[in-house]
N, C-alpha and C. Protein backbone atom coordinates (compact mmCIF):
# COMPACT_ATOMS: atom_id res chain seq x y z
N UNK A 1 0.94 -1.08 -0.01
CA UNK A 1 -0.18 -0.15 -0.09
C UNK A 1 0.92 1.38 -0.12
N UNK A 2 0.18 2.55 -0.78
CA UNK A 2 1.08 3.30 -0.97
C UNK A 2 1.28 4.21 0.85
N UNK A 3 2.31 4.76 0.78
CA UNK A 3 2.50 5.23 2.16
C UNK A 3 1.43 6.32 2.36
N UNK A 4 1.22 6.97 1.26
CA UNK A 4 0.37 8.07 1.92
C UNK A 4 -1.36 7.84 2.06
N UNK A 5 -1.79 6.45 1.49
CA UNK A 5 -2.55 5.78 1.81
C UNK A 5 -2.78 5.29 3.25
N UNK A 6 -1.82 5.00 3.45
CA UNK A 6 -1.45 4.07 4.94
C UNK A 6 -1.60 5.11 5.83
N UNK A 7 -0.95 6.37 5.55
CA UNK A 7 -1.44 7.21 6.69
C UNK A 7 -2.94 7.99 6.62
N UNK A 8 -3.18 7.73 5.70
CA UNK A 8 -4.67 8.19 5.77
C UNK A 8 -5.53 7.44 6.31
N UNK A 9 -5.25 6.24 6.31
CA UNK A 9 -6.16 5.23 6.75
C UNK A 9 -6.10 5.22 8.25
N UNK A 10 -4.91 4.98 8.86
CA UNK A 10 -4.96 4.86 10.27
C UNK A 10 -5.50 5.32 11.06
N UNK A 11 -6.19 4.81 11.68
CA UNK A 11 -6.71 5.77 12.76
C UNK A 11 -6.97 4.54 14.16
N UNK A 12 -7.38 5.55 14.98
CA UNK A 12 -7.53 4.57 16.52
C UNK A 12 -8.94 3.73 16.64
N UNK A 13 -8.58 2.42 17.00
CA UNK A 13 -9.37 1.51 16.88
C UNK A 13 -10.11 1.08 18.07
N UNK A 14 -11.44 1.27 18.47
CA UNK A 14 -11.76 0.98 19.47
C UNK A 14 -12.81 -0.28 20.09
N UNK A 15 -12.77 -1.38 18.73
CA UNK A 15 -13.56 -2.36 18.94
C UNK A 15 -12.88 -3.35 17.89
N UNK A 16 -12.53 -4.56 18.47
CA UNK A 16 -11.63 -5.49 17.84
C UNK A 16 -12.28 -6.99 17.61
N UNK A 17 -12.09 -7.75 16.63
CA UNK A 17 -12.35 -8.58 16.37
C UNK A 17 -11.80 -9.91 17.50
N UNK A 18 -12.20 -10.65 18.08
CA UNK A 18 -11.18 -11.55 18.80
C UNK A 18 -10.30 -12.68 18.05
N UNK A 19 -10.19 -12.51 16.60
CA UNK A 19 -9.24 -13.46 16.02
C UNK A 19 -8.05 -13.02 16.55
N UNK A 20 -6.86 -13.99 16.69
CA UNK A 20 -5.57 -13.90 16.89
C UNK A 20 -4.85 -13.41 15.52
N UNK A 21 -3.82 -12.68 15.54
CA UNK A 21 -3.13 -12.11 14.53
C UNK A 21 -1.64 -13.24 14.53
N UNK A 22 -1.40 -13.90 13.25
CA UNK A 22 -0.37 -14.81 13.24
C UNK A 22 0.76 -14.22 13.92
N UNK A 23 1.77 -14.79 14.32
CA UNK A 23 2.98 -14.64 14.79
C UNK A 23 4.03 -14.33 13.77
N UNK A 24 3.89 -14.59 12.44
CA UNK A 24 4.70 -14.46 11.38
C UNK A 24 4.63 -12.94 11.14
N UNK A 25 3.13 -12.50 11.02
CA UNK A 25 2.90 -10.97 10.49
C UNK A 25 3.19 -10.13 11.60
N UNK A 26 3.12 -10.61 13.07
CA UNK A 26 3.94 -9.64 14.10
C UNK A 26 5.07 -9.23 14.02
N UNK A 27 5.74 -10.44 13.70
CA UNK A 27 7.27 -10.52 13.50
C UNK A 27 7.82 -9.39 12.36
N UNK A 28 7.19 -9.52 11.03
CA UNK A 28 7.21 -8.91 10.07
C UNK A 28 7.25 -7.08 10.43
N UNK A 29 5.93 -7.48 11.13
CA UNK A 29 5.76 -5.47 11.75
C UNK A 29 6.93 -5.06 12.32
N UNK A 30 7.13 -5.95 13.51
CA UNK A 30 8.52 -5.61 14.52
C UNK A 30 9.63 -5.32 13.67
N UNK A 31 9.96 -6.34 12.77
CA UNK A 31 11.47 -5.89 12.27
C UNK A 31 11.26 -4.90 11.43
N UNK A 32 10.24 -4.74 10.52
CA UNK A 32 10.34 -3.25 9.62
C UNK A 32 10.21 -2.27 10.38
N UNK A 33 9.27 -2.09 11.77
CA UNK A 33 9.34 -1.27 12.59
C UNK A 33 10.89 -0.60 12.96
N UNK A 34 11.58 -1.80 13.48
CA UNK A 34 12.70 -0.96 13.84
C UNK A 34 13.80 -0.37 13.12
N UNK A 35 13.46 0.02 11.71
CA UNK A 35 13.84 1.12 10.94
C UNK A 35 13.80 2.36 11.03
N UNK A 36 13.17 2.70 12.57
CA UNK A 36 12.73 3.93 12.69
C UNK A 36 14.13 4.55 13.12
N UNK A 37 14.25 6.15 13.17
CA UNK A 37 15.48 6.73 13.27
C UNK A 37 15.41 6.87 14.81
N UNK A 38 16.52 7.27 15.15
CA UNK A 38 17.16 7.68 16.84
C UNK A 38 18.41 8.31 16.69
N UNK A 39 18.24 8.97 17.71
CA UNK A 39 19.62 9.89 18.06
C UNK A 39 20.67 9.07 18.27
N UNK A 40 21.53 9.25 17.31
CA UNK A 40 23.21 8.73 17.46
C UNK A 40 22.42 7.51 16.93
N UNK A 41 21.61 6.94 16.84
CA UNK A 41 21.36 5.48 16.35
C UNK A 41 21.28 4.72 17.55
N UNK A 42 20.97 5.60 18.98
CA UNK A 42 21.03 4.41 20.15
C UNK A 42 19.68 3.99 20.40
N UNK A 43 18.54 3.82 19.43
CA UNK A 43 17.87 2.90 19.54
C UNK A 43 17.12 2.27 20.84
N UNK A 44 16.52 3.29 21.56
CA UNK A 44 16.38 3.16 22.95
C UNK A 44 15.35 2.45 23.21
N UNK A 45 14.57 1.80 22.73
CA UNK A 45 13.26 1.03 22.64
C UNK A 45 13.55 -0.37 22.79
N UNK A 46 12.54 -1.28 23.25
CA UNK A 46 12.43 -2.36 23.50
C UNK A 46 11.00 -2.82 23.50
N UNK A 47 10.75 -4.26 23.18
CA UNK A 47 9.04 -4.49 23.18
C UNK A 47 8.75 -5.58 23.77
N UNK A 48 7.57 -5.93 24.05
CA UNK A 48 6.93 -6.95 24.88
C UNK A 48 5.71 -7.11 23.88
N UNK A 49 5.83 -8.39 23.28
CA UNK A 49 4.63 -8.75 22.28
C UNK A 49 3.79 -9.89 22.91
N UNK A 50 2.41 -9.56 23.35
CA UNK A 50 1.74 -10.23 24.64
C UNK A 50 0.80 -10.37 23.97
N UNK A 51 0.04 -11.89 24.13
CA UNK A 51 -1.25 -12.46 23.67
C UNK A 51 -1.35 -13.55 24.44
N UNK A 52 -2.67 -14.31 23.98
CA UNK A 52 -3.07 -15.41 24.62
C UNK A 52 -3.44 -15.19 26.27
N UNK A 53 -3.08 -16.34 26.91
CA UNK A 53 -3.19 -16.59 28.62
C UNK A 53 -2.14 -15.28 28.97
N UNK A 54 -1.14 -15.16 28.98
CA UNK A 54 -0.46 -13.58 29.70
C UNK A 54 -1.36 -12.79 29.65
N UNK A 55 -1.84 -12.46 28.22
CA UNK A 55 -2.36 -11.02 28.06
C UNK A 55 -3.83 -10.86 28.87
N UNK A 56 -4.76 -12.02 28.54
CA UNK A 56 -5.89 -12.12 29.35
C UNK A 56 -5.30 -12.06 31.16
N UNK A 57 -4.46 -12.37 31.58
CA UNK A 57 -4.09 -12.30 33.19
C UNK A 57 -4.15 -10.78 33.28
N UNK A 58 -3.02 -10.18 32.26
CA UNK A 58 -3.00 -8.62 32.69
C UNK A 58 -4.22 -7.83 32.52
N UNK A 59 -4.91 -8.11 31.80
CA UNK A 59 -6.32 -7.60 31.32
C UNK A 59 -7.21 -7.74 32.72
N UNK A 60 -7.29 -8.90 32.96
CA UNK A 60 -8.10 -9.14 34.13
C UNK A 60 -7.72 -8.60 35.48
N UNK A 61 -6.22 -8.49 35.75
CA UNK A 61 -5.65 -7.92 36.99
C UNK A 61 -6.02 -6.37 36.89
N UNK A 62 -6.15 -5.73 35.69
CA UNK A 62 -6.33 -4.30 35.75
C UNK A 62 -7.79 -4.26 35.74
N UNK A 63 -8.36 -5.11 35.37
CA UNK A 63 -10.14 -4.79 35.26
C UNK A 63 -10.02 -4.90 37.38
N UNK A 64 -9.75 -5.75 37.96
CA UNK A 64 -10.05 -6.17 38.86
C UNK A 64 -9.84 -5.00 40.02
N UNK A 65 -8.62 -4.53 39.68
CA UNK A 65 -8.14 -3.21 40.34
C UNK A 65 -8.68 -2.04 40.10
N UNK A 66 -9.34 -2.10 39.04
CA UNK A 66 -10.37 -0.40 38.59
C UNK A 66 -9.49 0.59 38.33
N UNK A 67 -10.28 1.52 38.64
CA UNK A 67 -9.47 3.03 38.52
C UNK A 67 -9.24 3.62 39.84
N UNK A 68 -7.69 3.54 39.93
CA UNK A 68 -7.03 3.74 41.41
C UNK A 68 -6.12 5.01 41.37
N UNK A 69 -5.04 5.27 41.99
CA UNK A 69 -4.32 5.99 41.15
C UNK A 69 -3.13 5.19 40.73
N UNK A 70 -2.98 5.93 39.54
CA UNK A 70 -2.18 5.31 38.51
C UNK A 70 -0.44 5.60 38.52
N UNK A 71 0.34 4.47 38.25
CA UNK A 71 1.53 4.55 38.92
C UNK A 71 2.36 4.08 37.46
N UNK A 72 2.22 4.90 36.53
CA UNK A 72 2.91 4.99 35.29
C UNK A 72 4.63 5.15 35.79
N UNK A 73 5.45 4.18 34.97
CA UNK A 73 6.79 4.49 35.48
C UNK A 73 7.59 5.11 34.48
N UNK A 74 6.79 5.80 33.27
CA UNK A 74 7.17 7.07 32.17
C UNK A 74 5.96 8.12 32.40
N UNK A 75 6.65 9.42 33.38
CA UNK A 75 5.43 10.16 33.95
C UNK A 75 4.46 10.44 32.78
N UNK A 76 2.96 10.69 33.06
CA UNK A 76 1.87 11.25 32.42
C UNK A 76 1.95 12.75 32.45
N UNK A 77 1.21 13.22 31.59
CA UNK A 77 0.92 15.10 31.65
C UNK A 77 0.37 15.19 33.15
N UNK A 78 0.86 16.11 33.81
CA UNK A 78 0.32 16.33 34.99
C UNK A 78 -1.02 17.47 34.68
N UNK A 79 -1.14 18.01 33.48
CA UNK A 79 -2.36 18.71 33.02
C UNK A 79 -2.16 19.04 31.69
N UNK A 80 -3.49 19.41 31.10
CA UNK A 80 -3.81 19.77 29.68
C UNK A 80 -4.21 20.99 29.56
N UNK A 81 -3.22 22.14 29.63
CA UNK A 81 -3.97 23.71 29.25
C UNK A 81 -4.40 23.89 27.75
N UNK A 82 -5.13 24.82 27.83
CA UNK A 82 -5.74 25.11 26.38
C UNK A 82 -4.43 25.33 25.26
N UNK A 83 -4.75 25.01 24.07
CA UNK A 83 -6.02 24.28 23.45
C UNK A 83 -5.99 23.14 23.80
N UNK A 84 -5.22 22.59 24.39
CA UNK A 84 -5.28 20.74 24.17
C UNK A 84 -6.28 20.44 24.87
N UNK A 85 -6.96 21.17 26.01
CA UNK A 85 -8.03 20.60 26.61
C UNK A 85 -8.98 20.54 25.89
N UNK A 86 -9.15 21.17 25.06
CA UNK A 86 -10.64 21.92 24.13
C UNK A 86 -10.49 20.31 23.17
N UNK A 87 -9.27 19.79 22.71
CA UNK A 87 -9.46 18.89 21.86
C UNK A 87 -9.54 17.30 22.79
N UNK A 88 -9.44 17.54 23.80
CA UNK A 88 -9.77 16.24 24.48
C UNK A 88 -11.68 16.44 24.80
N UNK A 89 -11.72 17.65 25.15
CA UNK A 89 -13.32 17.64 25.21
C UNK A 89 -14.30 17.44 23.98
N UNK A 90 -13.60 17.57 22.97
CA UNK A 90 -14.32 17.26 21.49
C UNK A 90 -14.31 16.14 21.29
N UNK A 91 -13.56 15.15 21.94
CA UNK A 91 -13.96 13.61 21.86
C UNK A 91 -15.37 13.14 22.60
N UNK A 92 -15.66 14.19 23.39
CA UNK A 92 -17.13 13.70 24.16
C UNK A 92 -18.28 13.49 23.37
N UNK A 93 -19.44 13.08 23.70
CA UNK A 93 -20.38 12.82 22.86
C UNK A 93 -21.18 14.12 22.47
N UNK A 94 -21.54 14.31 21.29
CA UNK A 94 -22.08 15.56 20.47
C UNK A 94 -23.05 16.57 21.57
N UNK A 95 -23.61 15.62 22.10
CA UNK A 95 -24.68 16.59 22.61
C UNK A 95 -24.29 16.99 24.34
N UNK A 96 -23.27 16.99 24.33
CA UNK A 96 -22.79 17.65 25.75
C UNK A 96 -21.09 18.08 25.68
N UNK A 97 -20.73 18.50 26.65
CA UNK A 97 -19.27 19.11 26.64
C UNK A 97 -18.29 17.77 27.48
N UNK A 98 -18.90 16.84 28.11
CA UNK A 98 -18.08 15.99 28.76
C UNK A 98 -18.73 14.56 28.96
N UNK A 99 -17.34 13.51 29.22
CA UNK A 99 -18.68 12.10 29.47
C UNK A 99 -18.55 12.28 31.12
N UNK A 100 -20.02 11.60 31.25
CA UNK A 100 -20.08 11.52 32.49
C UNK A 100 -19.38 10.46 33.21
N UNK A 101 -19.43 10.20 34.64
CA UNK A 101 -18.37 9.36 35.37
C UNK A 101 -18.87 7.73 35.03
N UNK A 102 -19.62 7.96 34.96
CA UNK A 102 -20.09 6.05 34.57
C UNK A 102 -19.29 5.76 33.02
N UNK A 103 -19.66 6.73 32.08
CA UNK A 103 -19.20 6.71 30.69
C UNK A 103 -17.32 6.55 30.73
N UNK A 104 -16.95 7.17 31.66
CA UNK A 104 -15.66 7.10 31.82
C UNK A 104 -15.20 5.84 32.34
N UNK A 105 -15.78 5.41 33.37
CA UNK A 105 -15.56 3.90 34.03
C UNK A 105 -15.82 3.08 32.62
N UNK A 106 -16.95 3.13 32.17
CA UNK A 106 -17.00 2.13 31.18
C UNK A 106 -15.80 2.11 29.85
N UNK A 107 -15.13 3.29 29.53
CA UNK A 107 -14.15 3.59 28.66
C UNK A 107 -13.10 2.77 29.11
N UNK A 108 -12.73 3.11 30.67
CA UNK A 108 -11.94 2.44 31.28
C UNK A 108 -11.45 0.75 31.41
N UNK A 109 -12.55 0.44 31.33
CA UNK A 109 -12.56 -1.02 31.51
C UNK A 109 -12.32 -1.57 29.97
N UNK A 110 -13.01 -0.61 29.00
CA UNK A 110 -12.74 -1.28 27.61
C UNK A 110 -11.33 -1.30 27.10
N UNK A 111 -10.67 0.00 27.81
CA UNK A 111 -9.25 0.04 27.53
C UNK A 111 -8.62 -0.85 28.23
N UNK A 112 -9.04 -1.16 29.42
CA UNK A 112 -8.09 -2.37 29.85
C UNK A 112 -7.94 -3.50 29.46
N UNK A 113 -9.14 -3.65 28.67
CA UNK A 113 -9.23 -4.97 28.23
C UNK A 113 -8.69 -4.79 26.43
N UNK A 114 -8.26 -3.86 26.23
CA UNK A 114 -7.50 -3.34 25.01
C UNK A 114 -8.70 -3.56 23.84
N UNK A 115 -9.80 -3.04 24.08
CA UNK A 115 -10.92 -3.03 22.87
C UNK A 115 -11.26 -4.36 22.58
N UNK A 116 -10.81 -5.37 22.90
CA UNK A 116 -10.71 -6.53 22.59
C UNK A 116 -9.69 -7.14 21.69
N UNK A 117 -8.88 -6.60 21.60
CA UNK A 117 -7.85 -6.76 20.39
C UNK A 117 -7.02 -8.19 21.14
N UNK A 118 -6.49 -8.85 20.34
CA UNK A 118 -6.04 -10.40 21.09
C UNK A 118 -4.50 -9.82 21.81
N UNK A 119 -3.86 -8.76 20.99
CA UNK A 119 -2.52 -8.91 21.34
C UNK A 119 -2.32 -7.29 21.55
N UNK A 120 -1.05 -7.09 22.76
CA UNK A 120 -0.70 -6.00 23.02
C UNK A 120 0.68 -5.65 22.94
N UNK A 121 1.23 -4.62 22.24
CA UNK A 121 2.74 -4.64 21.92
C UNK A 121 3.11 -3.07 23.35
N UNK A 122 3.92 -3.99 24.29
CA UNK A 122 4.46 -2.97 25.19
C UNK A 122 5.68 -2.41 24.63
N UNK A 123 5.83 -0.78 25.22
CA UNK A 123 7.13 -0.04 24.74
C UNK A 123 7.76 0.04 26.28
N UNK A 124 8.93 -0.93 25.71
CA UNK A 124 10.17 -1.15 27.23
C UNK A 124 11.27 0.03 27.04
N UNK A 125 11.27 1.01 27.79
CA UNK A 125 12.38 2.04 28.03
C UNK A 125 13.60 1.39 28.86
N UNK A 126 15.07 1.48 28.85
CA UNK A 126 15.88 1.42 30.06
C UNK A 126 15.53 2.53 31.02
N UNK A 127 15.67 2.40 32.38
CA UNK A 127 15.48 3.67 33.17
C UNK A 127 16.59 4.56 32.84
N UNK A 128 17.88 3.48 32.72
CA UNK A 128 19.12 4.77 32.96
C UNK A 128 19.32 5.20 31.68
N UNK A 129 18.37 5.19 30.42
CA UNK A 129 18.49 6.41 29.30
C UNK A 129 17.47 7.58 29.41
N UNK A 130 16.33 7.23 30.66
CA UNK A 130 15.27 8.48 30.91
C UNK A 130 15.57 8.82 32.01
N UNK A 131 15.72 8.14 33.41
CA UNK A 131 15.91 9.22 34.47
C UNK A 131 17.66 9.17 34.67
N UNK A 132 18.17 10.19 34.57
CA UNK A 132 19.45 10.54 34.77
C UNK A 132 19.86 11.67 35.51
N UNK A 133 20.59 11.88 36.32
CA UNK A 133 21.46 13.02 37.20
C UNK A 133 20.69 14.16 36.73
N UNK A 134 21.11 14.66 35.59
CA UNK A 134 20.62 15.88 35.26
C UNK A 134 19.22 16.06 34.85
N UNK A 135 18.44 15.06 35.04
CA UNK A 135 17.09 15.30 34.82
C UNK A 135 16.29 13.95 33.77
N UNK A 136 15.16 14.42 33.23
CA UNK A 136 14.69 13.43 32.46
C UNK A 136 14.99 13.88 31.23
N UNK A 137 15.44 12.66 30.78
CA UNK A 137 15.77 12.73 29.27
C UNK A 137 14.68 12.05 27.96
N UNK A 138 14.05 13.21 27.42
CA UNK A 138 12.81 13.07 26.65
C UNK A 138 13.04 12.92 25.38
N UNK A 139 14.37 12.85 24.79
CA UNK A 139 14.58 12.39 23.40
C UNK A 139 14.83 11.24 23.27
N UNK A 140 14.84 10.32 24.26
CA UNK A 140 14.63 8.64 23.72
C UNK A 140 13.01 8.47 23.64
N UNK A 141 12.22 9.16 24.35
CA UNK A 141 10.77 9.15 24.33
C UNK A 141 10.57 9.62 22.68
N UNK A 142 11.11 10.34 22.16
CA UNK A 142 10.83 11.20 20.70
C UNK A 142 11.39 10.38 19.73
N UNK A 143 12.50 9.58 19.98
CA UNK A 143 12.73 7.97 19.15
C UNK A 143 12.03 7.13 19.60
N UNK A 144 11.43 6.44 20.44
CA UNK A 144 10.51 5.84 20.67
C UNK A 144 9.36 5.59 19.98
N UNK A 145 8.96 7.10 19.72
CA UNK A 145 7.56 7.19 19.19
C UNK A 145 7.55 7.39 17.75
N UNK A 146 8.62 7.44 17.12
CA UNK A 146 9.07 6.80 15.71
C UNK A 146 8.75 5.46 15.73
N UNK A 147 9.28 4.20 16.50
CA UNK A 147 9.06 3.24 16.39
C UNK A 147 7.77 3.00 16.53
N UNK A 148 6.99 3.32 17.46
CA UNK A 148 5.36 2.98 17.63
C UNK A 148 4.83 3.39 16.47
N UNK A 149 5.18 4.90 15.94
CA UNK A 149 4.42 4.98 14.55
C UNK A 149 4.67 3.84 13.63
N UNK A 150 5.74 3.48 13.31
CA UNK A 150 6.00 2.73 12.34
C UNK A 150 5.45 1.40 12.57
N UNK A 151 5.28 0.82 13.98
CA UNK A 151 4.37 -0.11 14.07
C UNK A 151 2.80 0.12 13.74
N UNK A 152 2.13 1.25 13.43
CA UNK A 152 0.97 1.34 13.85
C UNK A 152 0.80 1.53 12.47
N UNK A 153 1.68 1.98 11.34
CA UNK A 153 1.32 2.12 10.25
C UNK A 153 1.19 1.13 9.41
N UNK A 154 2.78 0.08 9.77
CA UNK A 154 2.73 -1.27 9.14
C UNK A 154 1.38 -2.09 9.55
N UNK A 155 1.19 -1.91 10.96
CA UNK A 155 -0.32 -2.66 10.85
C UNK A 155 -1.35 -2.58 9.79
N UNK A 156 -1.42 -0.88 9.97
CA UNK A 156 -2.46 -0.85 8.57
C UNK A 156 -2.26 -1.17 7.33
N UNK A 157 -0.90 -1.36 7.15
CA UNK A 157 -1.12 -2.17 5.70
C UNK A 157 -0.82 -3.61 5.41
N UNK A 158 -1.38 -4.24 6.75
CA UNK A 158 -1.44 -5.42 6.71
C UNK A 158 -2.77 -5.93 7.13
N UNK A 159 -3.50 -4.80 6.95
CA UNK A 159 -5.01 -4.99 7.21
C UNK A 159 -5.41 -4.98 8.34
N UNK A 160 -4.13 -4.83 9.55
CA UNK A 160 -4.93 -4.70 11.28
C UNK A 160 -4.99 -3.29 11.46
N UNK A 161 -5.79 -3.26 12.81
CA UNK A 161 -6.16 -1.85 13.59
C UNK A 161 -4.99 -1.97 14.71
N UNK A 162 -4.84 -0.80 15.23
CA UNK A 162 -4.18 -0.31 16.53
C UNK A 162 -4.78 0.93 17.23
N UNK A 163 -4.38 0.72 18.57
CA UNK A 163 -4.71 2.25 19.40
C UNK A 163 -3.53 2.29 20.11
N UNK A 164 -2.84 3.31 20.29
CA UNK A 164 -2.21 3.54 21.55
C UNK A 164 -2.27 3.84 22.54
N UNK A 165 -2.29 3.19 23.52
CA UNK A 165 -2.59 3.46 24.90
C UNK A 165 -1.59 3.55 26.06
N UNK A 166 -1.86 4.76 26.61
CA UNK A 166 -1.11 5.16 28.16
C UNK A 166 -1.92 4.47 29.34
N UNK A 167 -3.13 3.91 28.89
CA UNK A 167 -3.79 3.33 30.32
C UNK A 167 -3.32 1.67 30.30
N UNK A 168 -2.67 1.30 28.96
CA UNK A 168 -2.14 -0.11 29.11
C UNK A 168 -1.27 -0.44 30.19
N UNK A 169 -0.28 0.59 30.39
CA UNK A 169 1.08 0.84 31.43
C UNK A 169 0.69 1.78 32.64
N UNK A 170 -0.74 1.78 33.08
CA UNK A 170 -0.85 2.45 34.58
C UNK A 170 -0.14 1.60 35.71
N UNK A 171 -0.72 0.19 35.47
CA UNK A 171 -0.19 -1.00 36.59
C UNK A 171 1.12 -1.66 36.32
N UNK A 172 2.28 -1.14 36.19
CA UNK A 172 2.94 -1.79 35.61
C UNK A 172 3.51 -3.33 36.58
N UNK A 173 2.98 -3.20 37.95
CA UNK A 173 3.56 -4.25 38.99
C UNK A 173 2.71 -5.24 38.39
N UNK A 174 1.37 -5.32 37.56
CA UNK A 174 0.79 -6.50 36.99
C UNK A 174 1.16 -6.99 36.05
N UNK A 175 1.72 -6.42 35.31
CA UNK A 175 2.44 -6.40 34.13
C UNK A 175 3.43 -7.28 34.42
N UNK A 176 4.26 -6.62 35.34
CA UNK A 176 5.78 -7.61 35.92
C UNK A 176 4.99 -8.93 36.61
N UNK A 177 4.29 -8.99 36.94
CA UNK A 177 3.94 -10.78 37.68
C UNK A 177 3.81 -11.46 36.85
N UNK A 178 3.01 -11.14 35.50
CA UNK A 178 2.86 -12.19 34.39
C UNK A 178 4.02 -12.11 33.41
N UNK A 179 4.72 -11.01 33.06
CA UNK A 179 6.31 -10.80 32.05
C UNK A 179 7.05 -10.50 32.94
N UNK A 180 8.26 -11.39 33.05
CA UNK A 180 9.51 -11.33 34.18
C UNK A 180 10.36 -10.42 33.35
N UNK A 181 10.66 -9.13 33.73
CA UNK A 181 11.02 -8.03 33.13
C UNK A 181 11.93 -7.58 34.67
N UNK A 182 13.03 -7.05 34.28
CA UNK A 182 14.06 -6.62 35.54
C UNK A 182 13.28 -5.02 35.58
N UNK A 183 13.76 -4.63 37.08
CA UNK A 183 13.28 -3.15 37.41
C UNK A 183 14.09 -2.37 36.62
N UNK A 184 15.36 -2.51 36.02
CA UNK A 184 15.88 -1.64 35.41
C UNK A 184 14.92 -1.44 33.62
N UNK A 185 14.13 -2.19 33.51
CA UNK A 185 13.02 -1.75 32.33
C UNK A 185 12.04 -1.24 32.81
N UNK A 186 11.87 0.15 32.44
CA UNK A 186 10.78 0.47 32.35
C UNK A 186 9.28 0.63 31.29
N UNK A 187 8.21 0.14 31.96
CA UNK A 187 6.99 0.20 30.98
C UNK A 187 6.36 1.25 30.31
N UNK A 188 6.29 2.06 29.29
CA UNK A 188 6.33 3.24 29.08
C UNK A 188 4.55 3.00 28.58
N UNK A 189 3.96 2.39 27.70
CA UNK A 189 3.22 2.30 27.03
C UNK A 189 2.73 1.35 26.27
N UNK A 190 1.54 1.10 26.02
CA UNK A 190 0.75 -0.33 24.79
C UNK A 190 0.22 0.16 23.99
N UNK A 191 0.55 -0.99 22.83
CA UNK A 191 -0.26 -0.63 21.18
C UNK A 191 -1.14 -1.62 21.48
N UNK A 192 -2.77 -1.60 21.58
CA UNK A 192 -3.63 -3.02 21.11
C UNK A 192 -3.58 -3.13 19.55
N UNK A 193 -2.93 -4.08 19.17
CA UNK A 193 -3.29 -4.70 17.67
C UNK A 193 -4.21 -5.43 17.68
N UNK A 194 -4.80 -5.48 16.24
CA UNK A 194 -5.77 -6.91 16.02
C UNK A 194 -6.71 -6.43 15.06
N UNK A 195 -7.71 -7.36 14.84
CA UNK A 195 -8.18 -7.52 13.33
C UNK A 195 -9.77 -6.33 13.96
N UNK A 196 -9.73 -4.99 13.35
CA UNK A 196 -10.85 -4.07 13.42
C UNK A 196 -11.97 -4.78 13.78
N UNK A 197 -13.28 -4.25 14.18
CA UNK A 197 -14.45 -4.85 13.89
C UNK A 197 -15.06 -3.69 13.30
N UNK A 198 -15.30 -4.06 12.28
CA UNK A 198 -15.46 -2.67 11.16
C UNK A 198 -17.33 -2.52 11.50
N UNK A 199 -17.83 -3.69 12.01
CA UNK A 199 -19.38 -3.39 12.19
C UNK A 199 -19.66 -3.03 13.53
N UNK A 200 -18.89 -2.81 14.25
CA UNK A 200 -18.97 -1.51 15.70
C UNK A 200 -19.06 -0.37 15.42
N UNK A 201 -20.20 0.34 15.32
CA UNK A 201 -20.03 1.74 15.34
C UNK A 201 -19.23 2.51 15.54
N UNK A 202 -18.37 2.21 16.72
CA UNK A 202 -17.75 2.96 17.40
C UNK A 202 -16.35 3.21 16.76
N UNK A 203 -15.94 2.24 15.58
CA UNK A 203 -15.01 2.40 14.51
C UNK A 203 -15.35 3.32 13.75
N UNK A 204 -16.55 3.87 13.57
CA UNK A 204 -17.24 4.68 12.20
C UNK A 204 -16.30 6.27 12.38
N UNK A 205 -16.35 6.74 13.71
CA UNK A 205 -15.70 7.76 14.35
C UNK A 205 -14.16 8.21 13.72
N UNK A 206 -13.86 9.36 13.14
CA UNK A 206 -12.42 9.57 12.92
C UNK A 206 -12.30 11.11 13.54
N UNK A 207 -11.16 11.14 14.40
CA UNK A 207 -10.98 12.57 15.03
C UNK A 207 -10.33 13.45 14.03
N UNK A 208 -11.00 14.91 14.31
CA UNK A 208 -10.28 16.18 13.61
C UNK A 208 -8.99 16.36 13.77
N UNK A 209 -8.14 17.32 12.73
CA UNK A 209 -6.90 17.61 12.82
C UNK A 209 -6.91 19.15 12.51
N UNK A 210 -6.46 20.04 13.45
CA UNK A 210 -6.29 21.02 13.20
C UNK A 210 -6.03 21.52 11.49
N UNK A 211 -6.42 22.71 11.32
CA UNK A 211 -6.26 22.95 9.93
C UNK A 211 -4.88 23.21 9.48
N UNK A 212 -3.87 22.80 8.61
CA UNK A 212 -2.56 23.50 8.19
C UNK A 212 -1.89 24.65 8.64
N UNK A 213 -2.75 25.51 8.19
CA UNK A 213 -2.76 27.05 8.35
C UNK A 213 -2.61 27.31 9.71
N UNK A 214 -3.05 26.66 10.39
CA UNK A 214 -3.12 27.20 12.12
C UNK A 214 -1.87 26.61 12.86
N UNK A 215 -1.18 25.67 12.31
CA UNK A 215 0.02 24.85 13.19
C UNK A 215 1.38 25.00 12.55
N UNK A 216 1.34 25.15 10.98
CA UNK A 216 2.29 25.14 10.27
C UNK A 216 2.84 26.60 9.75
N UNK A 217 3.77 27.25 9.85
CA UNK A 217 4.58 28.48 9.51
C UNK A 217 5.19 28.42 9.05
N UNK A 218 5.46 29.27 7.66
CA UNK A 218 6.18 29.09 6.17
C UNK A 218 7.12 30.45 6.31
N UNK A 219 8.50 29.87 6.09
CA UNK A 219 9.48 31.40 5.80
C UNK A 219 10.18 31.03 4.96
N UNK A 220 10.69 31.98 4.20
CA UNK A 220 11.64 31.87 2.86
C UNK A 220 10.99 31.14 1.63
N UNK A 221 9.77 31.34 1.34
CA UNK A 221 8.61 30.72 0.37
C UNK A 221 8.05 31.84 -0.18
N UNK A 222 8.04 31.88 -1.63
CA UNK A 222 7.24 33.22 -2.10
C UNK A 222 6.11 32.86 -2.36
């Protein structure tokens, strides 16, 4: 598929079929995604590709704990000033400005279950490269974002859907009980990946983007 078409088609999927994704397809996606650029070729990313029984254990652990104080190992934003909060509010139902508490709880449970996806790809970053004596090194997250975007675009090319999930990593201790990784490795976020359920109305929506002239400035052009 043409890269422009892949970019146009990619969207966040919030309803998946239960069909498992063959490992050979996931291997192709991961291998190709590793061609992402990184500062001085540091390649700060590692990944856990989790499916089947281990993923079910993680999901049930998250659901059982529910919405509590989240303990992300890679810091979440503390706040969203304007205009960013306005873009979040735009996700709410059209008939009101925000979700109800019950709707947020329902969305969180679906999020904890990866919206029914058969697989989750967790981004792992070494503690030593992100938390340093002089402060937090955000550059490794820029690099990792390039690899994550590659995964999502490649998945689209293979007829799969994805959604990047910060909420997939809010209880890292639960993930660590299932997949054994050293404490030196931080769980940053997850990407749910699987076959989209196009019959579910939730997948009909597509979020808006700001117009080009609002976010791009041009200099030196006639």
